Amino acid sequence: MARGDRGLEIHEEIRNLREELRAAKGRIEELEQRVEHLRVSRRVLMNLLEKVEREKVTLIHKLEKENIRLQRDNTRFAKWIFSKNREIVKLQEKIEEYKEKA
């Protein structure tokens, strides 16, 4: 192989290596941008998750208070029904007494 041919081969190899290096640098930049986008997306998702968690805690607290209120109302209603039932029984007893006297 002639000395000039070897020089051309080396020159060609250097040019190929430079192109590969340029392509690798471009790929690295593209991957760095994707990593940055992923970081931003992760922050957005974490913020949304924290917001949803806060809303869930608030809703649970509200539902617990509503449950306590409903239990209290239910107890009050049950006592009222029991009281009215006693009144009915007393009235029925009076009616029976009245029928017996008549």
C-alpha atoms as a PDB file:
ATOM      1  CA  MET A   1       0.000   0.000   0.000  1.00  0.00           C
ATOM      2  CA  ALA A   2       1.368   3.379  -0.918  1.00  0.00           C
ATOM      3  CA  ARG A   3       2.075   5.939   1.686  1.00  0.00           C
ATOM      4  CA  GLY A   4      -0.463   8.336   0.163  1.00  0.00           C
ATOM      5  CA  ASP A   5      -3.169   5.682   0.295  1.00  0.00           C
ATOM      6  CA  ARG A   6      -2.503   5.073   3.977  1.00  0.00           C
ATOM      7  CA  GLY A   7      -2.746   8.801   4.623  1.00  0.00           C
ATOM      8  CA  LEU A   8      -6.107   8.901   2.834  1.00  0.00           C
ATOM      9  CA  GLU A   9      -7.354   5.953   4.900  1.00  0.00           C
ATOM     10  CA  ILE A  10      -6.337   7.654   8.131  1.00  0.00           C
ATOM     11  CA  HIS A  11      -7.935  10.888   6.982  1.00  0.00           C
ATOM     12  CA  GLU A  12     -11.142   8.993   6.071  1.00  0.00           C
ATOM     13  CA  GLU A  13     -11.111   7.183   9.432  1.00  0.00           C
ATOM     14  CA  ILE A  14     -10.685  10.475  11.290  1.00  0.00           C
ATOM     15  CA  ARG A  15     -13.590  11.970   9.328  1.00  0.00           C
ATOM     16  CA  ASN A  16     -15.771   8.949  10.186  1.00  0.00           C
ATOM     17  CA  LEU A  17     -14.806   9.220  13.849  1.00  0.00           C
ATOM     18  CA  ARG A  18     -15.697  12.921  13.865  1.00  0.00           C
ATOM     19  CA  GLU A  19     -19.095  12.140  12.325  1.00  0.00           C
ATOM     20  CA  GLU A  20     -19.689   9.422  14.920  1.00  0.00           C
ATOM     21  CA  LEU A  21     -18.648  11.829  17.669  1.00  0.00           C
ATOM     22  CA  ARG A  22     -21.005  14.518  16.325  1.00  0.00           C
ATOM     23  CA  ALA A  23     -23.845  11.983  16.139  1.00  0.00           C
ATOM     24  CA  ALA A  24     -23.064  10.765  19.689  1.00  0.00           C
ATOM     25  CA  LYS A  25     -23.069  14.349  20.994  1.00  0.00           C
ATOM     26  CA  GLY A  26     -26.440  14.953  19.304  1.00  0.00           C
ATOM     27  CA  ARG A  27     -27.819  11.770  20.853  1.00  0.00           C
ATOM     28  CA  ILE A  28     -26.484  12.821  24.271  1.00  0.00           C
ATOM     29  CA  GLU A  29     -28.183  16.220  23.969  1.00  0.00           C
ATOM     30  CA  GLU A  30     -31.439  14.537  22.929  1.00  0.00           C
ATOM     31  CA  LEU A  31     -31.254  12.161  25.900  1.00  0.00           C
ATOM     32  CA  GLU A  32     -30.435  15.030  28.279  1.00  0.00           C
ATOM     33  CA  GLN A  33     -33.538  16.877  27.046  1.00  0.00           C
ATOM     34  CA  ARG A  34     -35.646  13.759  27.559  1.00  0.00           C
ATOM     35  CA  VAL A  35     -34.262  13.369  31.079  1.00  0.00           C
ATOM     36  CA  GLU A  36     -35.133  17.003  31.829  1.00  0.00           C
ATOM     37  CA  HIS A  37     -38.661  16.508  30.472  1.00  0.00           C
ATOM     38  CA  LEU A  38     -39.009  13.410  32.641  1.00  0.00           C
ATOM     39  CA  ARG A  39     -37.893  15.411  35.685  1.00  0.00           C
ATOM     40  CA  VAL A  40     -40.487  18.093  34.955  1.00  0.00           C
ATOM     41  CA  SER A  41     -43.165  15.450  34.375  1.00  0.00           C
ATOM     42  CA  ARG A  42     -42.228  13.757  37.638  1.00  0.00           C
ATOM     43  CA  ARG A  43     -42.511  17.053  39.540  1.00  0.00           C
ATOM     44  CA  VAL A  44     -45.919  17.720  37.969  1.00  0.00           C
ATOM     45  CA  LEU A  45     -47.110  14.209  38.831  1.00  0.00           C
ATOM     46  CA  MET A  46     -45.810  14.486  42.404  1.00  0.00           C
ATOM     47  CA  ASN A  47     -47.596  17.830  42.835  1.00  0.00           C
ATOM     48  CA  LEU A  48     -50.814  16.315  41.481  1.00  0.00           C
ATOM     49  CA  LEU A  49     -50.419  13.312  43.764  1.00  0.00           C
ATOM     50  CA  GLU A  50     -49.909  15.577  46.795  1.00  0.00           C
ATOM     51  CA  LYS A  51     -52.979  17.625  45.805  1.00  0.00           C
ATOM     52  CA  VAL A  52     -55.111  14.498  45.399  1.00  0.00           C
ATOM     53  CA  GLU A  53     -53.872  13.192  48.754  1.00  0.00           C
ATOM     54  CA  ARG A  54     -54.788  16.482  50.478  1.00  0.00           C
ATOM     55  CA  GLU A  55     -58.227  16.435  48.838  1.00  0.00           C
ATOM     56  CA  LYS A  56     -58.698  12.824  49.935  1.00  0.00           C
ATOM     57  CA  VAL A  57     -57.839  13.668  53.540  1.00  0.00           C
ATOM     58  CA  THR A  58     -60.233  16.630  53.435  1.00  0.00           C
ATOM     59  CA  LEU A  59     -63.005  14.484  51.973  1.00  0.00           C
ATOM     60  CA  ILE A  60     -62.444  11.724  54.545  1.00  0.00           C
ATOM     61  CA  HIS A  61     -62.634  14.289  57.353  1.00  0.00           C
ATOM     62  CA  LYS A  62     -65.840  15.733  55.894  1.00  0.00           C
ATOM     63  CA  LEU A  63     -67.378  12.261  55.499  1.00  0.00           C
ATOM     64  CA  GLU A  64     -66.422  11.300  59.053  1.00  0.00           C
ATOM     65  CA  LYS A  65     -68.150  14.428  60.374  1.00  0.00           C
ATOM     66  CA  GLU A  66     -71.199  13.689  58.211  1.00  0.00           C
ATOM     67  CA  ASN A  67     -71.251  10.107  59.499  1.00  0.00           C
ATOM     68  CA  ILE A  68     -71.183  11.316  63.115  1.00  0.00           C
ATOM     69  CA  ARG A  69     -74.006  13.757  62.376  1.00  0.00           C
ATOM     70  CA  LEU A  70     -76.087  11.043  60.705  1.00  0.00           C
ATOM     71  CA  GLN A  71     -75.508   8.643  63.600  1.00  0.00           C
ATOM     72  CA  ARG A  72     -76.583  11.360  66.047  1.00  0.00           C
ATOM     73  CA  ASP A  73     -79.701  12.128  63.973  1.00  0.00           C
ATOM     74  CA  ASN A  74     -80.462   8.422  63.686  1.00  0.00           C
ATOM     75  CA  THR A  75     -80.196   7.989  67.458  1.00  0.00           C
ATOM     76  CA  ARG A  76     -82.445  10.987  68.017  1.00  0.00           C
ATOM     77  CA  PHE A  77     -84.983   9.638  65.512  1.00  0.00           C
ATOM     78  CA  ALA A  78     -84.890   6.156  67.082  1.00  0.00           C
ATOM     79  CA  LYS A  79     -85.586   7.682  70.532  1.00  0.00           C
ATOM     80  CA  TRP A  80     -88.455   9.710  69.080  1.00  0.00           C
ATOM     81  CA  ILE A  81     -89.964   6.605  67.432  1.00  0.00           C
ATOM     82  CA  PHE A  82     -89.571   4.629  70.665  1.00  0.00           C
ATOM     83  CA  SER A  83     -91.303   7.452  72.579  1.00  0.00           C
ATOM     84  CA  LYS A  84     -94.176   7.562  70.063  1.00  0.00           C
ATOM     85  CA  ASN A  85     -94.454   3.775  70.245  1.00  0.00           C
ATOM     86  CA  ARG A  86     -94.824   4.001  74.036  1.00  0.00           C
ATOM     87  CA  GLU A  87     -97.539   6.627  73.592  1.00  0.00           C
ATOM     88  CA  ILE A  88     -99.362   4.329  71.173  1.00  0.00           C
ATOM     89  CA  VAL A  89     -99.129   1.414  73.608  1.00  0.00           C
ATOM     90  CA  LYS A  90    -100.478   3.582  76.440  1.00  0.00           C
ATOM     91  CA  LEU A  91    -103.354   4.788  74.250  1.00  0.00           C
ATOM     92  CA  GLN A  92    -104.121   1.217  73.234  1.00  0.00           C
ATOM     93  CA  GLU A  93    -104.162   0.213  76.898  1.00  0.00           C
ATOM     94  CA  LYS A  94    -106.572   3.078  77.650  1.00  0.00           C
ATOM     95  CA  ILE A  95    -108.813   1.998  74.780  1.00  0.00           C
ATOM     96  CA  GLU A  96    -108.808  -1.573  76.115  1.00  0.00           C
ATOM     97  CA  GLU A  97    -109.648  -0.288  79.628  1.00  0.00           C
ATOM     98  CA  TYR A  98    -112.462   1.841  78.195  1.00  0.00           C
ATOM     99  CA  LYS A  99    -113.850  -1.145  76.285  1.00  0.00           C
ATOM    100  CA  GLU A 100    -113.736  -3.292  79.422  1.00  0.00           C
ATOM    101  CA  LYS A 101    -115.619  -0.649  81.463  1.00  0.00           C
ATOM    102  CA  ALA A 102    -118.263  -0.187  78.803  1.00  0.00           C
END
